[in-house]
């Protein structure tokens, strides 16, 4: 992979990226332009057996053999009935720049047996992807089990060497994008979703990947500053409990003056205004002033003084209802007197549904009492180990939450640790190959295939149909027999309102031949692709399975090849 990261054009328009004297200037980044900017994805990021197989192919004069490999998965993620395909752009960048370096070759020489012939290392030096073709489903698309996400065609050893890196690039990317999409469905379209997972991610590379693919899956922003710089994702964040705890009282405030929004007016004693406003607020919301924590008030004053146009406070360091919300409202009311609007609050513990509704009531009471209509609409952000079930439960209970900060369950995908994507040889030198298993779901579908998605008259995806590449494509309004790959009695005629060929040629002669989507374009495709599914395929509880089928010709070819390769048992 090579190239430079473009400066983030959104920095100059993002208030979260401003400092005292103006916007942070965007600086060009010389790291590599991908989700893996530390050069980790390179030819040696593979399994040892890929290298030993490549040598055996070369030694056996099989290096000229032309192969077809399918990349697919066996089962949808998170007990659902859809998966989002992600990671394709990274795969293509990796393939486009595939080349063993001199140090790679020297390392391989030190690890392979001394009997390994020198000619093999010269062969590795010459390898690139110029003889490879890559067909794939566009990134951000909804995909289903058994359907090839990527089809590679090219020299057998070359395809073997890139198998592991490609699986590395698409397995986690697709898993976390799907997880993010499910969180979006659970939260609803109108809620703000913020990814807070960097500190919980599997290393820095996992953290960067999570930020990128959570955004693609439907999140609005990230706390990951480097991801914001590299990928243009909006960054967000306010303060932690430690900031509040660092203040013991008002005596810790060394700067008391604040310039009003109207710069023609002189600075005023902001602390004095906040104390006066606290008296009013405590009376209105029926909170004892002596119960409010003065260190917390000092922290809020300090933060509001630093960010008068972006004041969002964490309420639960001590006690939300007896201290946090009163101190926040006091400081926000003081800001209002100086011409500023606070942004809102974050709640990081406790009964999120109850607390958010109670806080919302307080905001409404303050708005009515002081004739500040916007106060009622202040943002309430919830965090605290939120998962998909939490979101669904909150919706059932009713709540006043506008946004969620989500980390651990999102980026680590605790409900399912991996996608389980695999790569299988399906054709060699024009001859189809099949892998058999006592577990029928792991029997591969042989040969070079093309895949069509058939839509009903309402525009919803109805069924995916795999065919042999030489078959005529299905036509709209034409009766097509679609068969379950392994169960003879499961079959149906389908009349499609629209037919879409899923795979596109993305790489030929070592060059990418499609315009790769921007992150925003891939994110848009995720939403559009999800909208093409019926609601019952997307629901969290007992979703309807989406049908994946084969043509009648492929069905018979599959089973004939199965019988031809399966040994016949003998009883005595």
Protein backbone atom coordinates (compact mmCIF):
# COMPACT_ATOMS: atom_id res chain seq x y z
CA UNK A 1 0.00 0.00 0.00
CA UNK A 2 1.24 3.46 -0.74
CA UNK A 3 0.17 7.05 -1.06
CA UNK A 4 -0.56 9.93 1.25
CA UNK A 5 -3.60 10.68 3.34
CA UNK A 6 -5.41 13.77 2.12
CA UNK A 7 -5.84 16.50 4.78
CA UNK A 8 -9.19 16.21 6.50
CA UNK A 9 -11.39 18.88 4.86
CA UNK A 10 -13.88 18.77 7.72
CA UNK A 11 -11.44 19.98 10.38
CA UNK A 12 -11.89 23.67 9.66
CA UNK A 13 -15.67 23.33 10.00
CA UNK A 14 -15.72 21.24 13.15
CA UNK A 15 -16.00 23.13 16.42
CA UNK A 16 -14.49 20.14 18.26
CA UNK A 17 -11.24 20.78 16.37
CA UNK A 18 -10.76 24.38 17.45
CA UNK A 19 -8.23 25.86 19.82
CA UNK A 20 -7.92 29.23 21.50
CA UNK A 21 -6.62 31.08 18.46
CA UNK A 22 -8.70 29.36 15.78
CA UNK A 23 -9.01 26.08 13.89
CA UNK A 24 -6.31 23.47 14.05
CA UNK A 25 -4.52 23.62 10.66
CA UNK A 26 -4.83 20.39 8.69
CA UNK A 27 -1.41 18.87 8.04
CA UNK A 28 -0.71 16.36 5.29
CA UNK A 29 -0.06 12.87 6.60
CA UNK A 30 2.59 10.69 5.02
CA UNK A 31 1.23 7.45 6.44
CA UNK A 32 -0.23 4.98 4.02
CA UNK A 33 -3.74 5.67 2.75
CA UNK A 34 -5.69 2.84 4.28
CA UNK A 35 -7.32 1.70 7.47
CA UNK A 36 -3.99 0.13 8.41
CA UNK A 37 -1.56 3.09 8.28
CA UNK A 38 1.37 1.37 9.96
CA UNK A 39 2.36 -0.86 7.06
CA UNK A 40 1.12 -4.01 8.74
CA UNK A 41 -0.67 -5.42 5.71
CA UNK A 42 2.12 -6.73 3.51
CA UNK A 43 2.98 -10.05 1.84
CA UNK A 44 4.47 -11.53 5.03
CA UNK A 45 1.19 -10.99 6.91
CA UNK A 46 0.24 -14.54 6.07
CA UNK A 47 0.29 -18.05 7.47
CA UNK A 48 3.44 -20.10 7.11
CA UNK A 49 1.62 -22.89 5.30
CA UNK A 50 0.75 -20.48 2.48
CA UNK A 51 4.48 -20.04 1.84
CA UNK A 52 5.25 -23.76 2.06
CA UNK A 53 2.37 -24.54 -0.30
CA UNK A 54 3.65 -21.91 -2.72
CA UNK A 55 7.04 -23.61 -2.70
CA UNK A 56 5.47 -27.00 -3.28
CA UNK A 57 3.47 -25.60 -6.20
CA UNK A 58 6.64 -24.07 -7.64
CA UNK A 59 8.68 -27.23 -7.06
CA UNK A 60 5.94 -29.32 -8.71
CA UNK A 61 5.80 -26.97 -11.71
CA UNK A 62 2.26 -25.98 -10.75
CA UNK A 63 3.01 -22.27 -10.55
CA UNK A 64 1.45 -21.68 -13.96
CA UNK A 65 -1.86 -23.33 -12.98
CA UNK A 66 -4.79 -20.95 -13.19
CA UNK A 67 -7.10 -21.09 -10.19
CA UNK A 68 -10.36 -19.61 -8.95
CA UNK A 69 -10.85 -18.95 -5.23
CA UNK A 70 -14.08 -17.90 -3.51
CA UNK A 71 -14.16 -15.87 -0.29
CA UNK A 72 -17.41 -16.37 1.64
CA UNK A 73 -18.84 -17.15 5.09
CA UNK A 74 -21.08 -19.93 6.38
CA UNK A 75 -23.44 -18.18 8.81
CA UNK A 76 -24.76 -14.68 9.38
CA UNK A 77 -23.49 -12.71 12.34
CA UNK A 78 -25.07 -12.00 15.74
CA UNK A 79 -27.95 -14.48 15.28
CA UNK A 80 -29.28 -12.22 12.55
CA UNK A 81 -30.14 -12.75 8.91
CA UNK A 82 -27.87 -10.24 7.19
CA UNK A 83 -24.21 -9.23 7.07
CA UNK A 84 -22.55 -6.11 5.66
CA UNK A 85 -19.54 -6.65 3.40
CA UNK A 86 -16.62 -4.35 4.23
CA UNK A 87 -12.87 -4.24 3.72
CA UNK A 88 -12.80 -4.52 -0.08
CA UNK A 89 -10.99 -1.22 -0.66
CA UNK A 90 -8.20 -2.30 1.67
CA UNK A 91 -7.91 -5.64 -0.14
CA UNK A 92 -7.56 -3.95 -3.51
CA UNK A 93 -4.92 -1.51 -2.25
CA UNK A 94 -3.00 -4.43 -0.75
CA UNK A 95 -3.15 -6.42 -3.99
CA UNK A 96 -2.24 -3.44 -6.16
CA UNK A 97 0.97 -2.95 -4.18
CA UNK A 98 1.81 -6.61 -3.51
CA UNK A 99 5.55 -7.21 -3.73
CA UNK A 100 8.08 -9.06 -1.61
CA UNK A 101 10.89 -6.80 -0.45
CA UNK A 102 14.55 -7.83 -0.23
CA UNK A 103 14.24 -8.07 3.55
CA UNK A 104 11.14 -10.26 3.13
CA UNK A 105 13.10 -12.63 0.92
CA UNK A 106 16.03 -12.75 3.33
CA UNK A 107 13.68 -13.53 6.21
CA UNK A 108 12.00 -16.34 4.28
CA UNK A 109 15.39 -17.79 3.44
CA UNK A 110 16.15 -17.93 7.16
CA UNK A 111 12.91 -19.75 7.98
CA UNK A 112 12.55 -22.25 5.13
CA UNK A 113 14.68 -25.41 5.00
CA UNK A 114 18.19 -25.06 3.65
CA UNK A 115 17.20 -27.36 0.80
CA UNK A 116 14.78 -24.74 -0.59
CA UNK A 117 15.98 -23.92 -4.09
CA UNK A 118 17.20 -20.40 -4.85
CA UNK A 119 14.95 -20.26 -7.90
CA UNK A 120 11.89 -20.13 -5.64
CA UNK A 121 13.10 -16.94 -4.00
CA UNK A 122 13.72 -15.39 -7.40
CA UNK A 123 10.17 -16.42 -8.29
CA UNK A 124 8.85 -14.67 -5.18
CA UNK A 125 10.77 -11.51 -6.10
CA UNK A 126 8.95 -11.43 -9.43
CA UNK A 127 5.46 -11.90 -8.02
CA UNK A 128 2.80 -9.24 -8.36
CA UNK A 129 -0.90 -9.21 -9.14
CA UNK A 130 -0.59 -8.39 -12.83
CA UNK A 131 -2.07 -11.77 -13.83
CA UNK A 132 -4.91 -11.66 -11.31
CA UNK A 133 -8.53 -10.68 -11.75
CA UNK A 134 -10.67 -9.68 -8.78
CA UNK A 135 -14.45 -9.85 -8.91
CA UNK A 136 -16.37 -8.67 -5.85
CA UNK A 137 -19.64 -7.42 -4.46
CA UNK A 138 -19.38 -3.64 -3.90
CA UNK A 139 -18.30 -2.63 -0.40
CA UNK A 140 -21.15 -1.72 1.92
CA UNK A 141 -23.58 -4.21 0.38
CA UNK A 142 -25.80 -6.56 2.35
CA UNK A 143 -24.53 -10.10 1.83
CA UNK A 144 -25.52 -13.60 2.86
CA UNK A 145 -23.95 -17.02 3.60
CA UNK A 146 -22.35 -19.05 0.81
CA UNK A 147 -22.37 -16.10 -1.61
CA UNK A 148 -18.80 -15.33 -2.78
CA UNK A 149 -17.92 -11.86 -1.49
CA UNK A 150 -14.74 -11.87 -3.56
CA UNK A 151 -13.71 -14.14 -6.42
CA UNK A 152 -10.01 -14.27 -7.29
CA UNK A 153 -8.78 -15.66 -10.60
CA UNK A 154 -5.10 -16.07 -11.37
CA UNK A 155 -1.93 -18.13 -10.79
CA UNK A 156 -2.44 -20.73 -8.07
CA UNK A 157 0.56 -19.86 -5.83
CA UNK A 158 -0.25 -16.16 -6.02
CA UNK A 159 -3.83 -16.68 -4.91
CA UNK A 160 -2.65 -18.91 -2.11
CA UNK A 161 -0.24 -16.27 -0.82
CA UNK A 162 -2.89 -13.54 -0.64
CA UNK A 163 -5.61 -15.70 0.95
CA UNK A 164 -4.77 -14.98 4.59
CA UNK A 165 -4.24 -11.20 4.24
CA UNK A 166 -7.55 -10.83 2.41
CA UNK A 167 -9.38 -12.81 5.08
CA UNK A 168 -7.72 -10.60 7.69
CA UNK A 169 -8.93 -7.49 5.88
CA UNK A 170 -12.55 -8.54 5.35
CA UNK A 171 -13.41 -10.68 8.39
CA UNK A 172 -13.17 -8.03 11.12
CA UNK A 173 -14.22 -5.19 8.83
CA UNK A 174 -17.44 -6.98 7.86
CA UNK A 175 -18.10 -8.11 11.43
CA UNK A 176 -17.80 -4.67 13.05
CA UNK A 177 -19.63 -2.90 10.21
CA UNK A 178 -22.51 -5.32 10.65
CA UNK A 179 -22.43 -4.80 14.41
CA UNK A 180 -22.58 -1.04 13.93
CA UNK A 181 -25.47 -1.41 11.48
CA UNK A 182 -27.38 -3.49 14.01
CA UNK A 183 -26.79 -0.85 16.70
CA UNK A 184 -28.14 1.74 14.27
CA UNK A 185 -31.26 -0.32 13.60
CA UNK A 186 -31.79 -0.84 17.34
CA UNK A 187 -31.28 2.82 18.24
CA UNK A 188 -33.38 4.25 15.41
CA UNK A 189 -32.53 6.69 12.67
CA UNK A 190 -32.98 9.84 14.76
CA UNK A 191 -30.43 9.00 17.48
CA UNK A 192 -26.78 10.07 17.41
CA UNK A 193 -24.37 7.15 17.74
CA UNK A 194 -20.81 7.82 18.84
CA UNK A 195 -18.05 5.21 18.84
CA UNK A 196 -16.02 5.36 22.06
CA UNK A 197 -14.13 2.08 21.67
CA UNK A 198 -10.46 2.95 21.17
CA UNK A 199 -9.41 2.14 24.75
CA UNK A 200 -11.18 -1.24 24.56
CA UNK A 201 -10.18 -2.27 21.04
CA UNK A 202 -7.79 -5.08 20.16
CA UNK A 203 -4.72 -2.92 19.75
CA UNK A 204 -4.19 0.31 17.81
CA UNK A 205 -4.86 -1.30 14.44
CA UNK A 206 -8.11 -2.76 15.76
CA UNK A 207 -9.04 0.63 17.20
CA UNK A 208 -8.51 2.43 13.90
CA UNK A 209 -10.36 -0.25 11.95
CA UNK A 210 -13.26 -0.12 14.39
CA UNK A 211 -13.59 3.65 14.03
CA UNK A 212 -13.57 3.43 10.25
CA UNK A 213 -16.04 0.57 9.92
CA UNK A 214 -18.39 1.66 12.72
CA UNK A 215 -18.77 4.93 10.86
CA UNK A 216 -19.45 3.01 7.66
CA UNK A 217 -22.05 0.94 9.48
CA UNK A 218 -24.05 3.98 10.53
CA UNK A 219 -22.36 5.75 13.45
CA UNK A 220 -22.13 9.53 13.45
CA UNK A 221 -18.70 10.06 14.96
CA UNK A 222 -15.80 8.75 17.01
CA UNK A 223 -13.70 9.73 19.99
CA UNK A 224 -10.62 8.47 18.09
CA UNK A 225 -8.67 11.58 17.07
CA UNK A 226 -6.30 9.74 14.72
CA UNK A 227 -9.26 8.15 12.92
CA UNK A 228 -10.67 11.63 12.48
CA UNK A 229 -7.46 12.79 10.87
CA UNK A 230 -6.92 9.74 8.67
CA UNK A 231 -10.47 9.11 7.52
CA UNK A 232 -12.31 12.40 7.93
CA UNK A 233 -14.68 10.99 10.56
CA UNK A 234 -16.22 13.65 12.84
CA UNK A 235 -14.57 13.48 16.26
CA UNK A 236 -16.33 14.14 19.54
CA UNK A 237 -15.61 14.21 23.24
CA UNK A 238 -15.90 16.35 26.35
CA UNK A 239 -14.41 15.33 29.69
CA UNK A 240 -14.08 12.34 32.03
CA UNK A 241 -14.84 11.80 35.70
CA UNK A 242 -11.20 12.55 36.46
CA UNK A 243 -11.66 16.14 35.28
CA UNK A 244 -14.52 16.64 37.74
CA UNK A 245 -12.62 14.88 40.53
CA UNK A 246 -9.55 17.08 40.00
CA UNK A 247 -11.42 20.10 41.41
CA UNK A 248 -11.97 20.22 45.17
CA UNK A 249 -13.87 23.49 45.30
CA UNK A 250 -14.25 27.00 43.91
CA UNK A 251 -10.85 27.96 45.32
CA UNK A 252 -9.30 25.80 42.56
CA UNK A 253 -10.62 28.19 39.92
CA UNK A 254 -7.70 30.46 39.04
CA UNK A 255 -9.51 32.17 36.16
CA UNK A 256 -12.86 33.72 37.05
CA UNK A 257 -13.47 36.08 34.12
CA UNK A 258 -15.24 35.16 30.87
CA UNK A 259 -15.72 37.20 27.72
CA UNK A 260 -19.42 37.40 26.67
CA UNK A 261 -20.45 36.26 23.21
CA UNK A 262 -20.81 39.93 22.30
CA UNK A 263 -17.12 40.82 22.06
CA UNK A 264 -17.90 44.53 22.46
CA UNK A 265 -18.80 43.88 26.10
CA UNK A 266 -16.14 43.58 28.80
CA UNK A 267 -15.26 40.28 30.52
CA UNK A 268 -17.37 39.45 33.59
CA UNK A 269 -16.92 37.40 36.75
CA UNK A 270 -18.34 34.12 35.49
CA UNK A 271 -17.99 32.35 38.86
CA UNK A 272 -20.17 34.95 40.57
CA UNK A 273 -22.85 34.58 37.89
CA UNK A 274 -22.79 30.77 38.22
CA UNK A 275 -23.24 30.97 42.01
CA UNK A 276 -26.19 33.31 41.60
CA UNK A 277 -27.71 31.02 38.98
CA UNK A 278 -27.23 27.99 41.24
CA UNK A 279 -29.43 29.59 43.89
CA UNK A 280 -32.19 30.11 41.32
CA UNK A 281 -31.86 26.63 39.84
CA UNK A 282 -31.91 24.79 43.18
CA UNK A 283 -35.08 26.64 44.12
CA UNK A 284 -36.79 25.86 40.80
CA UNK A 285 -35.90 22.16 40.65
CA UNK A 286 -36.25 21.60 44.38
CA UNK A 287 -32.67 20.57 45.16
CA UNK A 288 -30.89 21.56 48.37
CA UNK A 289 -27.97 23.80 47.48
CA UNK A 290 -25.80 22.30 50.22
CA UNK A 291 -26.20 18.85 48.61
CA UNK A 292 -24.59 19.98 45.37
CA UNK A 293 -20.90 19.18 45.12
CA UNK A 294 -18.85 22.37 44.95
CA UNK A 295 -15.86 20.64 43.35
CA UNK A 296 -18.17 19.45 40.56
CA UNK A 297 -19.52 22.98 40.14
CA UNK A 298 -15.95 24.30 39.89
CA UNK A 299 -15.14 21.69 37.24
CA UNK A 300 -18.21 22.61 35.20
CA UNK A 301 -17.35 26.30 35.43
CA UNK A 302 -13.78 25.61 34.29
CA UNK A 303 -14.94 23.51 31.36
CA UNK A 304 -17.65 25.96 30.31
CA UNK A 305 -15.11 28.80 30.47
CA UNK A 306 -12.85 26.80 28.14
CA UNK A 307 -15.65 25.78 25.76
CA UNK A 308 -18.51 28.27 26.13
CA UNK A 309 -20.01 27.24 22.76
CA UNK A 310 -19.60 23.49 23.35
CA UNK A 311 -20.39 22.88 27.01
CA UNK A 312 -21.47 19.26 27.55
CA UNK A 313 -20.98 17.93 31.08
CA UNK A 314 -20.71 14.49 32.66
CA UNK A 315 -23.30 14.35 35.44
CA UNK A 316 -22.68 11.17 37.43
CA UNK A 317 -19.30 11.69 39.12
CA UNK A 318 -21.10 12.11 42.44
CA UNK A 319 -24.91 12.09 42.13
CA UNK A 320 -26.93 12.92 39.05
CA UNK A 321 -30.19 14.26 40.49
CA UNK A 322 -29.00 15.89 43.73
CA UNK A 323 -25.83 17.46 42.35
CA UNK A 324 -24.88 16.91 38.72
CA UNK A 325 -27.97 18.23 36.98
CA UNK A 326 -28.29 21.23 39.32
CA UNK A 327 -24.66 22.26 38.78
CA UNK A 328 -25.00 21.80 35.03
CA UNK A 329 -28.18 23.88 34.83
CA UNK A 330 -26.60 26.62 36.92
CA UNK A 331 -23.57 26.93 34.66
CA UNK A 332 -25.73 26.67 31.53
CA UNK A 333 -28.03 29.41 32.79
CA UNK A 334 -24.97 31.60 33.45
CA UNK A 335 -23.70 30.92 29.92
CA UNK A 336 -27.09 31.93 28.58
CA UNK A 337 -26.79 35.31 30.32
CA UNK A 338 -23.54 35.85 28.40
CA UNK A 339 -25.04 34.90 25.06
CA UNK A 340 -23.92 31.25 24.85
CA UNK A 341 -25.88 28.00 24.57
CA UNK A 342 -24.83 24.85 26.36
CA UNK A 343 -24.87 21.58 24.39
CA UNK A 344 -26.07 19.02 26.92
CA UNK A 345 -25.10 16.29 29.37
CA UNK A 346 -23.75 12.76 29.48
CA UNK A 347 -24.92 10.08 31.92
CA UNK A 348 -22.50 7.19 32.38
CA UNK A 349 -24.14 5.06 35.09
CA UNK A 350 -27.39 4.16 36.78
CA UNK A 351 -30.86 3.62 35.36
CA UNK A 352 -30.42 5.34 32.02
CA UNK A 353 -34.11 5.33 31.09
CA UNK A 354 -35.27 6.78 34.43
CA UNK A 355 -32.45 9.29 34.77
CA UNK A 356 -32.78 10.57 31.21
CA UNK A 357 -36.52 11.15 31.61
CA UNK A 358 -36.02 12.88 34.96
CA UNK A 359 -33.26 15.10 33.57
CA UNK A 360 -35.45 15.93 30.58
CA UNK A 361 -38.23 17.02 32.95
CA UNK A 362 -35.78 19.29 34.75
CA UNK A 363 -34.67 20.81 31.45
CA UNK A 364 -38.31 21.51 30.59
CA UNK A 365 -38.95 23.07 33.99
CA UNK A 366 -35.92 25.34 33.60
CA UNK A 367 -36.95 26.24 30.04
CA UNK A 368 -40.44 27.23 31.21
CA UNK A 369 -39.31 29.07 34.36
CA UNK A 370 -36.67 31.22 32.67
CA UNK A 371 -38.29 31.46 29.19
CA UNK A 372 -35.43 29.68 27.44
CA UNK A 373 -37.19 27.37 24.92
CA UNK A 374 -34.00 25.73 23.65
CA UNK A 375 -33.11 24.51 27.15
CA UNK A 376 -35.75 21.80 26.94
CA UNK A 377 -34.00 20.38 23.86
CA UNK A 378 -30.53 20.07 25.38
CA UNK A 379 -28.83 16.85 24.32
CA UNK A 380 -28.74 13.89 26.68
CA UNK A 381 -25.96 11.43 25.90
CA UNK A 382 -25.92 7.98 27.52
CA UNK A 383 -22.95 5.65 27.86
CA UNK A 384 -22.01 2.80 30.25
CA UNK A 385 -21.34 -0.53 28.53
CA UNK A 386 -24.29 -0.25 26.15
CA UNK A 387 -25.07 -3.18 23.85
CA UNK A 388 -27.74 -3.90 21.27
CA UNK A 389 -30.09 -5.41 23.87
CA UNK A 390 -29.74 -2.27 26.01
CA UNK A 391 -30.89 -0.11 23.11
CA UNK A 392 -33.89 -2.33 22.41
CA UNK A 393 -34.81 -2.36 26.10
CA UNK A 394 -34.53 1.42 26.40
CA UNK A 395 -36.86 1.82 23.44
CA UNK A 396 -39.40 -0.44 25.12
CA UNK A 397 -39.16 1.43 28.44
CA UNK A 398 -39.24 4.91 27.01
CA UNK A 399 -36.39 7.37 27.62
CA UNK A 400 -35.15 10.89 26.99
CA UNK A 401 -31.81 10.00 25.38
CA UNK A 402 -30.67 11.74 22.20
CA UNK A 403 -27.27 10.11 21.69
CA UNK A 404 -25.28 7.09 22.77
CA UNK A 405 -21.56 6.69 23.36
CA UNK A 406 -20.77 3.03 22.75
CA UNK A 407 -17.45 1.24 23.12
CA UNK A 408 -16.75 -2.26 24.38
CA UNK A 409 -19.68 -4.22 22.94
CA UNK A 410 -19.35 -2.41 19.63
CA UNK A 411 -15.66 -2.66 18.78
CA UNK A 412 -14.94 -6.03 20.40
CA UNK A 413 -18.14 -7.58 18.99
CA UNK A 414 -18.69 -9.46 22.23
CA UNK A 415 -21.76 -11.33 20.94
CA UNK A 416 -19.66 -12.95 18.21
CA UNK A 417 -15.87 -12.80 18.09
CA UNK A 418 -15.41 -13.42 14.37
CA UNK A 419 -17.25 -13.56 11.05
CA UNK A 420 -15.82 -16.95 10.13
CA UNK A 421 -15.09 -15.99 6.55
CA UNK A 422 -13.22 -18.63 4.56
CA UNK A 423 -11.47 -18.98 1.22
CA UNK A 424 -11.86 -22.10 -0.92
CA UNK A 425 -10.48 -23.30 -4.23
CA UNK A 426 -13.42 -23.87 -6.61
CA UNK A 427 -11.67 -24.31 -9.96
CA UNK A 428 -8.21 -25.22 -11.27
CA UNK A 429 -7.23 -24.96 -14.94
CA UNK A 430 -10.90 -24.78 -15.89
CA UNK A 431 -11.84 -27.90 -13.89
CA UNK A 432 -14.26 -27.44 -11.00
CA UNK A 433 -13.27 -28.59 -7.52
CA UNK A 434 -15.40 -29.37 -4.48
CA UNK A 435 -14.57 -29.72 -0.79
CA UNK A 436 -16.67 -32.34 1.00
CA UNK A 437 -17.54 -32.56 4.67
CA UNK A 438 -19.76 -34.58 6.97
CA UNK A 439 -21.14 -31.18 7.94
CA UNK A 440 -23.22 -30.43 4.84
CA UNK A 441 -23.09 -26.68 5.44
CA UNK A 442 -19.33 -26.83 4.84
CA UNK A 443 -19.58 -28.53 1.45
CA UNK A 444 -18.41 -25.95 -1.08
CA UNK A 445 -20.30 -24.94 -4.21
CA UNK A 446 -17.88 -25.71 -7.04
CA UNK A 447 -16.87 -23.85 -10.16
CA UNK A 448 -16.75 -20.31 -11.42
CA UNK A 449 -20.08 -18.75 -10.50
CA UNK A 450 -22.00 -15.57 -11.05
CA UNK A 451 -24.54 -14.27 -8.55
CA UNK A 452 -27.74 -12.34 -9.13
CA UNK A 453 -30.02 -10.64 -6.64
CA UNK A 454 -33.68 -10.89 -7.56
CA UNK A 455 -36.01 -8.13 -6.34
CA UNK A 456 -39.79 -8.23 -6.06
CA UNK A 457 -42.14 -5.66 -7.55
CA UNK A 458 -41.90 -3.55 -4.37
CA UNK A 459 -38.15 -3.19 -4.76
CA UNK A 460 -37.22 -5.46 -1.86
CA UNK A 461 -34.56 -8.15 -2.22
CA UNK A 462 -36.26 -11.51 -2.64
CA UNK A 463 -33.56 -14.12 -3.20
CA UNK A 464 -29.90 -14.47 -4.27
CA UNK A 465 -29.28 -16.86 -7.14
CA UNK A 466 -25.92 -18.48 -7.96
CA UNK A 467 -25.39 -19.78 -11.48
CA UNK A 468 -22.59 -21.30 -13.49
CA UNK A 469 -20.78 -18.59 -15.41
CA UNK A 470 -21.83 -19.96 -18.80
CA UNK A 471 -25.57 -19.88 -18.00
CA UNK A 472 -27.87 -17.21 -19.38
CA UNK A 473 -28.65 -14.56 -16.77
CA UNK A 474 -32.19 -14.46 -15.36
CA UNK A 475 -34.49 -11.85 -16.83
CA UNK A 476 -37.11 -9.69 -15.11
CA UNK A 477 -40.62 -11.22 -15.12
CA UNK A 478 -39.20 -14.55 -16.33
CA UNK A 479 -39.94 -17.69 -14.29
CA UNK A 480 -36.67 -18.92 -12.81
CA UNK A 481 -36.30 -22.14 -10.84
CA UNK A 482 -34.33 -21.42 -7.68
CA UNK A 483 -33.13 -24.36 -5.60
CA UNK A 484 -31.66 -24.82 -2.14
CA UNK A 485 -28.05 -25.98 -2.69
CA UNK A 486 -28.39 -29.10 -0.54
CA UNK A 487 -32.07 -29.84 0.15
CA UNK A 488 -33.82 -31.32 -2.87
CA UNK A 489 -37.39 -30.49 -1.84
CA UNK A 490 -36.68 -26.80 -1.21
CA UNK A 491 -37.23 -25.11 -4.55
CA UNK A 492 -39.41 -22.40 -5.99
CA UNK A 493 -40.12 -20.55 -9.20
CA UNK A 494 -39.34 -16.86 -8.90
CA UNK A 495 -40.49 -13.98 -11.08
CA UNK A 496 -38.28 -10.99 -10.36
CA UNK A 497 -39.32 -7.42 -10.86
CA UNK A 498 -35.66 -6.48 -11.14
CA UNK A 499 -32.43 -8.48 -11.48
CA UNK A 500 -29.03 -7.22 -10.31
CA UNK A 501 -25.67 -8.80 -11.09
CA UNK A 502 -23.83 -8.64 -7.76
CA UNK A 503 -20.20 -9.03 -8.81
CA UNK A 504 -18.15 -6.41 -10.59
CA UNK A 505 -14.64 -6.67 -11.99
CA UNK A 506 -12.53 -4.58 -9.59
CA UNK A 507 -8.98 -5.49 -10.64
CA UNK A 508 -7.42 -6.57 -13.92
CA UNK A 509 -3.76 -6.66 -14.97
CA UNK A 510 -2.75 -5.52 -11.51
CA UNK A 511 -4.75 -2.30 -11.69
CA UNK A 512 -7.95 -1.30 -9.90
CA UNK A 513 -10.56 -0.78 -12.61
CA UNK A 514 -13.46 0.61 -10.57
CA UNK A 515 -13.62 3.90 -8.73
CA UNK A 516 -13.38 2.98 -5.07
CA UNK A 517 -16.02 4.59 -2.87
CA UNK A 518 -15.19 7.21 -0.32
CA UNK A 519 -16.03 6.36 3.28
CA UNK A 520 -19.15 8.52 3.01
CA UNK A 521 -20.22 6.74 -0.19
CA UNK A 522 -19.70 3.33 1.39
CA UNK A 523 -21.71 4.45 4.42
CA UNK A 524 -24.53 5.57 2.15
CA UNK A 525 -24.47 2.23 0.35
CA UNK A 526 -24.85 0.39 3.67
CA UNK A 527 -28.04 2.30 4.42
CA UNK A 528 -29.44 1.90 0.91
CA UNK A 529 -28.62 -1.79 0.87
CA UNK A 530 -30.31 -2.32 4.24
CA UNK A 531 -33.37 -0.46 3.00
CA UNK A 532 -33.66 -3.00 0.18
CA UNK A 533 -34.34 -5.74 2.76
CA UNK A 534 -37.78 -6.38 4.19
CA UNK A 535 -38.21 -5.43 7.84
CA UNK A 536 -38.68 -9.05 8.91
CA UNK A 537 -35.17 -9.91 7.65
CA UNK A 538 -33.70 -7.13 9.83
CA UNK A 539 -35.67 -7.48 13.07
CA UNK A 540 -33.71 -8.37 16.19
CA UNK A 541 -35.95 -11.22 17.37
CA UNK A 542 -36.52 -14.27 15.16
CA UNK A 543 -35.72 -12.60 11.83
CA UNK A 544 -36.95 -14.30 8.66
CA UNK A 545 -34.08 -16.16 6.91
CA UNK A 546 -33.10 -14.66 3.57
CA UNK A 547 -33.01 -17.24 0.77
CA UNK A 548 -29.77 -18.10 -1.02
CA UNK A 549 -30.24 -20.45 -3.96
CA UNK A 550 -28.59 -22.08 -6.95
CA UNK A 551 -29.86 -22.57 -10.46
CA UNK A 552 -31.20 -25.95 -11.52
CA UNK A 553 -28.10 -26.55 -13.66
CA UNK A 554 -25.72 -25.69 -10.82
CA UNK A 555 -27.72 -27.83 -8.40
CA UNK A 556 -27.29 -30.94 -10.57
CA UNK A 557 -23.65 -30.13 -11.34
CA UNK A 558 -22.92 -29.74 -7.61
CA UNK A 559 -24.50 -33.05 -6.67
CA UNK A 560 -22.98 -34.96 -9.59
CA UNK A 561 -19.52 -33.72 -8.61
CA UNK A 562 -20.26 -34.54 -4.97
CA UNK A 563 -21.09 -38.15 -5.85
CA UNK A 564 -18.07 -38.40 -8.15
CA UNK A 565 -15.71 -37.36 -5.35
CA UNK A 566 -17.34 -39.09 -2.37
CA UNK A 567 -16.05 -42.60 -1.69
CA UNK A 568 -18.63 -45.40 -1.74
CA UNK A 569 -18.90 -47.19 1.55
CA UNK A 570 -18.77 -50.97 1.87
CA UNK A 571 -20.52 -53.09 4.46
CA UNK A 572 -19.64 -56.66 5.33
